[in-house]
Structures are given as structure tokens and as C-alpha cells.
Protein backbone atom coordinates (compact mmCIF):
# COMPACT_ATOMS: atom_id res chain seq x y z
CA UNK A 1 42.03 -55.29 19.33
CA UNK A 2 42.61 -55.65 15.58
CA UNK A 3 43.96 -52.73 13.58
CA UNK A 4 42.10 -52.41 10.29
CA UNK A 5 43.52 -49.59 8.15
CA UNK A 6 40.66 -49.82 5.68
CA UNK A 7 38.19 -48.91 8.42
CA UNK A 8 40.37 -46.16 9.82
CA UNK A 9 40.39 -44.33 6.50
CA UNK A 10 36.57 -44.21 6.31
CA UNK A 11 34.57 -41.65 8.30
CA UNK A 12 35.74 -39.44 11.12
CA UNK A 13 38.50 -40.56 13.54
CA UNK A 14 36.07 -40.91 16.49
CA UNK A 15 33.65 -43.02 14.43
CA UNK A 16 36.49 -45.24 13.26
CA UNK A 17 37.71 -45.65 16.83
CA UNK A 18 34.20 -46.56 17.98
CA UNK A 19 34.00 -49.28 15.32
CA UNK A 20 37.19 -50.80 16.72
CA UNK A 21 35.69 -50.86 20.22
CA UNK A 22 32.58 -52.89 19.29
CA UNK A 23 32.22 -56.37 20.77
CA UNK A 24 31.47 -58.96 18.02
CA UNK A 25 29.02 -60.76 20.37
CA UNK A 26 26.76 -58.05 21.81
CA UNK A 27 27.56 -55.53 19.03
CA UNK A 28 27.91 -52.84 21.69
CA UNK A 29 30.97 -51.08 23.00
CA UNK A 30 33.13 -53.35 25.12
CA UNK A 31 31.96 -53.57 28.72
CA UNK A 32 34.74 -53.80 31.27
CA UNK A 33 36.43 -56.06 32.07
CA UNK A 34 37.64 -56.80 28.54
CA UNK A 35 39.50 -60.05 27.92
CA UNK A 36 41.92 -60.78 25.11
CA UNK A 37 41.91 -64.18 23.44
CA UNK A 38 45.05 -66.06 22.31
CA UNK A 39 44.17 -65.03 18.74
CA UNK A 40 44.45 -61.37 19.88
CA UNK A 41 40.74 -60.64 19.47
CA UNK A 42 38.86 -58.98 22.33
CA UNK A 43 35.55 -59.78 24.00
CA UNK A 44 33.56 -58.53 26.93
CA UNK A 45 34.15 -60.96 29.75
CA UNK A 46 30.39 -61.43 30.09
CA UNK A 47 30.04 -62.15 26.36
CA UNK A 48 33.02 -64.53 26.48
CA UNK A 49 31.38 -66.30 29.42
CA UNK A 50 28.11 -66.65 27.48
CA UNK A 51 29.91 -68.14 24.46
CA UNK A 52 31.89 -70.45 26.75
CA UNK A 53 28.74 -71.55 28.59
CA UNK A 54 26.98 -72.27 25.29
CA UNK A 55 29.92 -74.36 24.08
CA UNK A 56 30.38 -76.13 27.45
CA UNK A 57 26.92 -76.63 28.98
CA UNK A 58 28.25 -78.97 31.68
CA UNK A 59 30.79 -76.48 33.01
CA UNK A 60 29.14 -74.90 36.02
CA UNK A 61 31.62 -72.77 37.87
CA UNK A 62 35.25 -72.27 38.66
CA UNK A 63 34.84 -74.70 41.55
CA UNK A 64 33.65 -77.50 39.29
CA UNK A 65 35.62 -80.69 38.96
CA UNK A 66 35.67 -80.23 35.20
CA UNK A 67 39.21 -79.31 34.32
CA UNK A 68 38.39 -76.77 31.61
CA UNK A 69 36.70 -76.24 28.29
CA UNK A 70 36.95 -74.77 24.87
CA UNK A 71 35.11 -72.47 22.47
CA UNK A 72 35.77 -70.80 19.17
CA UNK A 73 36.55 -67.11 18.69
CA UNK A 74 33.50 -65.47 17.08
CA UNK A 75 35.75 -63.29 14.89
CA UNK A 76 38.24 -65.76 13.41
CA UNK A 77 36.84 -69.17 14.60
CA UNK A 78 40.15 -69.93 16.31
CA UNK A 79 39.69 -72.58 19.02
CA UNK A 80 40.35 -71.18 22.48
CA UNK A 81 41.35 -73.66 25.20
CA UNK A 82 40.54 -72.69 28.79
CA UNK A 83 41.79 -74.14 32.05
CA UNK A 84 39.72 -74.84 35.14
CA UNK A 85 39.29 -71.07 35.75
CA UNK A 86 37.27 -70.71 32.55
CA UNK A 87 36.97 -67.19 31.10
CA UNK A 88 38.34 -65.83 34.38
CA UNK A 89 41.65 -67.30 33.37
CA UNK A 90 41.82 -65.10 30.29
CA UNK A 91 44.04 -62.04 30.50
CA UNK A 92 42.38 -58.61 30.73
CA UNK A 93 43.21 -56.12 27.98
CA UNK A 94 43.92 -53.02 30.07
CA UNK A 95 44.98 -51.05 26.98
CA UNK A 96 41.53 -51.42 25.42
CA UNK A 97 39.87 -50.55 28.73
CA UNK A 98 41.94 -47.35 28.98
CA UNK A 99 41.08 -46.47 25.38
CA UNK A 100 37.38 -46.93 26.20
CA UNK A 101 37.70 -44.55 29.17
CA UNK A 102 39.45 -41.94 27.04
CA UNK A 103 36.85 -42.34 24.27
CA UNK A 104 33.98 -41.83 26.70
CA UNK A 105 35.61 -38.73 28.16
CA UNK A 106 36.13 -37.34 24.65
CA UNK A 107 32.52 -38.06 23.72
CA UNK A 108 31.25 -36.33 26.85
CA UNK A 109 33.23 -33.18 25.98
CA UNK A 110 32.10 -33.10 22.34
CA UNK A 111 29.12 -30.87 21.35
CA UNK A 112 25.83 -32.61 20.91
CA UNK A 113 24.88 -33.79 17.49
CA UNK A 114 21.70 -32.58 15.89
CA UNK A 115 18.70 -34.34 17.42
CA UNK A 116 20.48 -35.47 20.62
CA UNK A 117 18.97 -34.34 23.89
CA UNK A 118 21.50 -33.08 26.47
CA UNK A 119 21.58 -34.72 29.88
CA UNK A 120 22.29 -33.05 33.22
CA UNK A 121 25.88 -33.35 34.36
CA UNK A 122 24.86 -33.49 38.03
CA UNK A 123 22.05 -36.00 37.46
CA UNK A 124 23.13 -38.20 34.60
CA UNK A 125 19.74 -39.85 34.13
CA UNK A 126 17.84 -36.54 34.00
CA UNK A 127 17.23 -34.60 30.83
CA UNK A 128 17.68 -30.84 30.76
CA UNK A 129 14.08 -29.63 30.61
CA UNK A 130 13.89 -26.21 32.35
CA UNK A 131 15.77 -22.91 32.20
CA UNK A 132 17.20 -21.11 35.20
CA UNK A 133 16.39 -17.43 34.64
CA UNK A 134 18.54 -16.34 37.59
CA UNK A 135 21.71 -18.10 36.44
CA UNK A 136 20.77 -17.98 32.74
CA UNK A 137 21.61 -21.63 32.14
CA UNK A 138 19.46 -24.65 31.19
CA UNK A 139 19.13 -27.29 33.90
CA UNK A 140 17.00 -30.25 34.96
CA UNK A 141 14.08 -30.61 37.35
CA UNK A 142 16.17 -32.39 39.96
CA UNK A 143 18.56 -29.40 40.12
CA UNK A 144 15.56 -27.15 40.76
CA UNK A 145 14.11 -29.40 43.47
CA UNK A 146 17.24 -30.63 45.22
CA UNK A 147 20.24 -29.12 43.49
CA UNK A 148 22.05 -25.84 43.01
CA UNK A 149 19.06 -24.05 41.44
CA UNK A 150 16.42 -24.73 44.09
CA UNK A 151 16.38 -21.04 45.14
CA UNK A 152 16.46 -19.70 41.55
CA UNK A 153 13.67 -18.54 39.29
CA UNK A 154 13.04 -20.96 36.44
CA UNK A 155 11.00 -20.89 33.25
CA UNK A 156 9.81 -23.49 30.74
CA UNK A 157 12.60 -24.44 28.45
CA UNK A 158 10.45 -24.13 25.34
CA UNK A 159 9.41 -20.53 25.98
CA UNK A 160 13.00 -19.42 26.62
CA UNK A 161 14.06 -21.47 23.63
CA UNK A 162 11.57 -19.70 21.35
CA UNK A 163 12.52 -16.26 22.72
CA UNK A 164 16.25 -16.73 22.37
CA UNK A 165 15.83 -18.41 19.01
CA UNK A 166 13.82 -15.41 17.80
CA UNK A 167 16.48 -13.07 19.21
CA UNK A 168 19.22 -15.06 17.53
CA UNK A 169 17.24 -14.98 14.29
CA UNK A 170 17.07 -11.19 14.54
CA UNK A 171 20.80 -11.06 15.18
CA UNK A 172 21.38 -13.24 12.13
CA UNK A 173 19.22 -10.88 10.07
CA UNK A 174 21.23 -7.94 11.37
CA UNK A 175 24.49 -9.68 10.50
CA UNK A 176 23.24 -10.62 7.03
CA UNK A 177 22.08 -7.04 6.41
CA UNK A 178 25.41 -5.74 7.71
CA UNK A 179 27.26 -8.19 5.49
CA UNK A 180 25.22 -7.02 2.50
CA UNK A 181 26.11 -3.42 3.27
CA UNK A 182 29.76 -4.34 3.70
CA UNK A 183 29.70 -6.25 0.42
CA UNK A 184 28.14 -3.23 -1.29
CA UNK A 185 30.84 -0.98 0.16
CA UNK A 186 33.52 -3.46 -0.94
CA UNK A 187 32.07 -3.48 -4.46
CA UNK A 188 31.99 0.31 -4.51
CA UNK A 189 35.58 0.47 -3.26
CA UNK A 190 36.68 -2.07 -5.87
CA UNK A 191 34.92 -0.03 -8.58
CA UNK A 192 36.61 3.09 -7.22
CA UNK A 193 39.97 1.33 -7.28
CA UNK A 194 39.44 0.22 -10.89
CA UNK A 195 38.29 3.70 -11.90
CA UNK A 196 41.32 5.20 -10.16
CA UNK A 197 43.61 2.86 -12.08
CA UNK A 198 41.92 3.65 -15.40
CA UNK A 199 41.87 7.41 -14.77
CA UNK A 200 45.51 7.43 -13.66
CA UNK A 201 46.52 5.52 -16.79
CA UNK A 202 44.56 7.98 -18.94
CA UNK A 203 46.20 10.91 -17.13
CA UNK A 204 49.64 9.35 -17.64
CA UNK A 205 48.96 8.85 -21.36
CA UNK A 206 47.74 12.44 -21.72
CA UNK A 207 50.77 13.78 -19.83
CA UNK A 208 53.16 11.78 -22.01
CA UNK A 209 51.39 13.01 -25.15
CA UNK A 210 51.57 16.63 -23.98
CA UNK A 211 55.28 16.38 -23.18
CA UNK A 212 55.93 14.55 -26.46
CA UNK A 213 54.12 17.34 -28.35
CA UNK A 214 56.11 19.92 -26.41
CA UNK A 215 59.33 18.08 -27.20
CA UNK A 216 58.37 17.92 -30.88
CA UNK A 217 57.61 21.65 -30.90
CA UNK A 218 60.97 22.42 -29.25
CA UNK A 219 62.76 20.18 -31.73
CA UNK A 220 61.06 21.91 -34.67
CA UNK A 221 61.92 25.33 -33.26
CA UNK A 222 65.53 24.28 -32.72
CA UNK A 223 65.79 23.01 -36.30
CA UNK A 224 64.34 26.28 -37.61
CA UNK A 225 66.78 28.42 -35.61
CA UNK A 226 69.73 26.23 -36.61
CA UNK A 227 68.77 26.73 -40.23
CA UNK A 228 68.77 30.50 -39.72
CA UNK A 229 72.25 30.34 -38.17
CA UNK A 230 73.45 28.16 -41.04
CA UNK A 231 72.08 30.61 -43.63
CA UNK A 232 73.72 33.54 -41.92
CA UNK A 233 77.01 31.63 -41.80
CA UNK A 234 76.77 30.76 -45.50
CA UNK A 235 75.94 34.37 -46.43
CA UNK A 236 78.86 35.83 -44.46
CA UNK A 237 81.40 33.23 -45.51
CA UNK A 238 80.26 33.54 -49.11
CA UNK A 239 80.69 37.30 -49.00
CA UNK A 240 84.15 37.02 -47.44
CA UNK A 241 85.23 34.37 -49.96
CA UNK A 242 84.15 36.67 -52.83
CA UNK A 243 86.20 39.52 -51.33
CA UNK A 244 89.21 37.24 -51.00
CA UNK A 245 88.88 36.28 -54.67
CA UNK A 246 88.73 39.97 -55.76
CA UNK A 247 91.72 40.88 -53.60
CA UNK A 248 93.68 38.01 -55.09
CA UNK A 249 92.89 39.20 -58.62
CA UNK A 250 93.98 42.74 -57.72
CA UNK A 251 97.15 41.40 -56.12
CA UNK A 252 97.92 39.42 -59.25
CA UNK A 253 97.44 42.51 -61.50
CA UNK A 254 99.53 44.63 -59.17
CA UNK A 255 102.29 42.05 -59.19
CA UNK A 256 102.38 42.03 -62.99
CA UNK A 257 102.55 45.84 -63.07
CA UNK A 258 105.44 45.74 -60.59
CA UNK A 259 107.32 43.31 -62.83
CA UNK A 260 106.66 45.50 -65.90
CA UNK A 261 107.82 48.61 -64.05
CA UNK A 262 110.99 46.85 -62.87
CA UNK A 263 111.76 45.78 -66.43
CA UNK A 264 111.22 49.39 -67.59
CA UNK A 265 113.59 50.60 -64.91
CA UNK A 266 116.26 48.35 -66.31
CA UNK A 267 116.08 50.13 -69.71
CA UNK A 268 119.30 52.19 -70.21
CA UNK A 269 118.34 54.01 -73.32
CA UNK A 270 116.51 57.23 -72.65
CA UNK A 271 114.48 57.23 -75.83
CA UNK A 272 113.30 53.67 -75.39
CA UNK A 273 112.45 54.31 -71.70
CA UNK A 274 110.47 57.42 -72.43
CA UNK A 275 108.45 55.77 -75.15
CA UNK A 276 106.81 53.39 -72.60
CA UNK A 277 107.27 55.15 -69.25
CA UNK A 278 104.44 57.62 -69.55
CA UNK A 279 101.85 54.98 -70.39
CA UNK A 280 103.16 52.67 -67.67
CA UNK A 281 102.95 55.37 -65.05
CA UNK A 282 99.41 56.17 -66.13
CA UNK A 283 98.43 52.53 -65.89
CA UNK A 284 99.93 52.19 -62.40
CA UNK A 285 98.12 55.34 -61.19
CA UNK A 286 94.80 54.16 -62.54
CA UNK A 287 95.33 50.72 -61.03
CA UNK A 288 96.08 52.22 -57.64
CA UNK A 289 93.01 54.47 -57.83
CA UNK A 290 90.63 51.71 -58.90
CA UNK A 291 91.99 49.10 -56.53
CA UNK A 292 90.00 50.19 -53.50
CA UNK A 293 87.82 47.13 -52.89
CA UNK A 294 85.01 46.68 -50.36
CA UNK A 295 85.98 45.87 -46.78
CA UNK A 296 84.12 44.08 -43.97
CA UNK A 297 83.01 45.99 -40.93
CA UNK A 298 84.47 45.41 -37.51
CA UNK A 299 82.63 42.57 -35.74
CA UNK A 300 81.41 41.21 -39.04
CA UNK A 301 82.24 37.69 -37.93
CA UNK A 302 80.29 37.90 -34.66
CA UNK A 303 77.08 35.85 -34.31
CA UNK A 304 75.80 37.55 -31.17
CA UNK A 305 72.45 38.22 -32.76
CA UNK A 306 71.65 34.49 -32.63
CA UNK A 307 71.97 33.98 -28.87
CA UNK A 308 68.79 32.79 -27.12
CA UNK A 309 67.87 33.26 -23.47
CA UNK A 310 65.85 30.23 -22.34
CA UNK A 311 65.89 30.99 -18.62
CA UNK A 312 62.26 32.10 -18.55
CA UNK A 313 61.23 28.98 -20.46
CA UNK A 314 63.22 26.80 -18.04
CA UNK A 315 61.52 28.58 -15.13
CA UNK A 316 58.15 28.01 -16.77
CA UNK A 317 58.94 24.31 -17.22
CA UNK A 318 60.01 24.03 -13.58
CA UNK A 319 56.79 25.75 -12.54
CA UNK A 320 54.65 23.32 -14.52
CA UNK A 321 51.96 21.71 -12.35
CA UNK A 322 48.59 20.08 -12.69
CA UNK A 323 45.54 22.24 -13.10
CA UNK A 324 43.19 22.61 -10.12
CA UNK A 325 39.46 22.92 -10.39
CA UNK A 326 39.45 26.60 -9.43
CA UNK A 327 35.99 27.14 -10.88
CA UNK A 328 34.50 24.60 -8.48
CA UNK A 329 36.06 26.30 -5.46
CA UNK A 330 35.07 29.75 -6.77
CA UNK A 331 31.46 28.59 -7.15
CA UNK A 332 31.48 27.22 -3.59
CA UNK A 333 32.89 30.52 -2.28
CA UNK A 334 30.25 32.49 -4.21
CA UNK A 335 27.47 30.29 -2.83
CA UNK A 336 28.81 30.72 0.71
CA UNK A 337 28.99 34.50 0.30
CA UNK A 338 25.44 34.62 -1.10
CA UNK A 339 24.11 32.55 1.82
CA UNK A 340 25.90 34.79 4.33
CA UNK A 341 24.54 37.93 2.67
CA UNK A 342 21.01 36.50 2.65
CA UNK A 343 21.25 35.58 6.33
CA UNK A 344 22.52 39.05 7.14
CA UNK A 345 19.62 40.67 5.28
CA UNK A 346 17.13 38.45 7.08
CA UNK A 347 18.53 39.15 10.54
CA UNK A 348 19.07 42.88 10.00
CA UNK A 349 21.55 45.02 11.83
CA UNK A 350 19.88 44.78 15.26
CA UNK A 351 18.92 41.11 14.93
CA UNK A 352 15.32 41.83 13.81
CA UNK A 353 14.16 40.83 10.34
CA UNK A 354 14.11 43.54 7.71
CA UNK A 355 10.76 44.73 6.38
CA UNK A 356 9.47 42.87 3.38
CA UNK A 357 11.62 39.79 4.02
CA UNK A 358 9.42 36.70 4.63
CA UNK A 359 10.21 34.48 7.58
CA UNK A 360 9.64 30.75 7.41
CA UNK A 361 6.57 29.75 9.42
CA UNK A 362 5.22 33.32 9.72
CA UNK A 363 2.43 32.73 7.23
CA UNK A 364 1.41 29.54 8.93
CA UNK A 365 1.35 31.30 12.29
CA UNK A 366 -0.74 34.19 10.98
CA UNK A 367 -3.12 31.79 9.28
CA UNK A 368 -3.65 29.93 12.52
């Protein structure tokens, strides 16, 4: 058997294999026994015998006195020389025969192609033409008459075919409708997923904006309070620096008076001392009386008034949470309470309806 890779690549594997198992003489699948020629081509033994007989008309049988004959291979035209045994002297190709058996088994197990009519496995020459209602399988007439279904109830194949085909059609319609519903649900779920993504992104943006605004507000408030602390510091330090300057001036004047008084004390002459002593004493007394400058109060330097307690704000921040739709739940509770009150009024305390409360169906009953 020749291996032709160009043929193998075309079509399905089984079709390609079938092409390789075609006899070039009868153009059918090889019929066993299959003989292989010296040129490695294969022929059915019957076809090889026909070609040999046509090429050697005087060769009658293996018992003939003619020593042999010859013919040409129909595939490659190679001349094949035969001995006195004729085509029976050619070697059988058991490999090809085994491949044919395997191919036929594979074909019998494959599903039928469109348009092919199935044959009965028990009676190979009989078509499947009736339906066994008892066993719920299609079968042939021979199985009903002589076979395994002779005691079973049967029905025309066409009627069962139409019924089951209609049932299958209904099932297909149900599946298609179910698939449509599933596809609709999938689309709705996908839309819901997209909406969830968009809404979550919008909520995240809003939350970030709110916290950014809150952070900006806190930063502005912090700047404002820092400015107040800075102003208070400048006012107090400025006041203290002014006092220091005044005290320094007073100290300088007092130091000069001390020097003048010491020089006066060094004067030995009484007249000269007395001429300046009275005025000097007066000046020192006045300086001591007028030297009482302003002082700062105790705790002047403290900044306790600028301490801030942020614990309640921190607690409020920790307690931050998303708003819930309380109005929706309140409306539902109100509706439930109204319905319960209405039912209670209708039933009354003892289970009977209260006077003046209409009962559904009462008017229709009275009208009838």
C-alpha cells in the first residue's frame, strides 16, 4: 500500500484511509485476500487474476504446462513476472487485510451520516423499519417475526418518528426559551455589575471629596488658631520687652545718681558739700519715688487659654459611618402599622366586623 502524504492531509482521517484502501482495478475497497506486487502496490487477488488472465489468455490454471506469465501493474506499469502458480504465487499483504478489518469495525461503530438508513445488527440485510414500543428501540421486521421482539408490541416507525420528533422539537423550543431567559438574566446581571462599579466609583469620589473638604477645613482652622497664638505671643513678648527697656533706663539713671552721690561724699569741705547736697538728696528721693514701674502679673507667661480639647471631635470622626435610608424603613413600618390597624378595625374585638366597615364581596352577595 502506497503512502501518499498529500492525500492524507486532505479530508478526514477515515476518508483518507479509505482512499488508500481502494483497489485500482475494481475501484472498490480491497477484497480479501489482498496480494502485494513486487512494486509494492496492492491488488485484490481476484482483480490481479483478471488482469493476469487478460494479459495471458492461454494460461488456464495452476496445473497448466505453461510455466508462468506476466502482466503490468495497473498503478505504475511495472512488469510483474509470475511463476507457474500465477497470481496464487503472489504474497498476501496481511497488514492491509488487518487494516481493512479495523476500518470496517470503526465504520460500524461510527454514527450514521445524514441520509444513510440504519441496518439491523442481528439481520445485516434487513433495514430497521418498525419500532418496539415495549423495549422502546427501533428494530426490523425479522426481529419482530423471529427475533428478540416477537412477543413485544410494535408500531410503525414513521408514526413514532413523527411523535418523538415533535416532542424533541418542543424540548428544543423549551431549551431555546430557557436560554433566552438565561441570556436576559446574564445581561441584567452584567448591567447590574457595571452599575455597581460605576456607583462604587462615584461613592469613592464623593467620599474622597468630603474628606478632602474636611481636611481643608481643619487645616484652615489650625492656621487661624496658630495665628491667634502667634499674636498673643507677640503682644506679651512686646510688652515684656518694653518693660525691660524702661527698667534698663531707670537702672542707668539710678547708677548715675549713685556715682554723683559717691563723688559728693568724697567732698571734704563742708561749705562745698552743703551747696550741692540738698539738691542731690532731693533728686535721689524724687527718683526713688517715681521709679515704680509697671510689673507683670503672676502667670503672665502661661498660654493655658489656648489649649484645645479635640477628644469629642476624634470620637465623632471614629463614629463616622455611611448614612442609611431610614426614611424608607420608617415608611415601611408606618405602612405595616396602618395595615395592622385597618385589619384590627375590620375584624373587631370579638372577630366580627365593626358596623359601617364594608367587607369585600358583601355587596355582590347581597345583590345576588
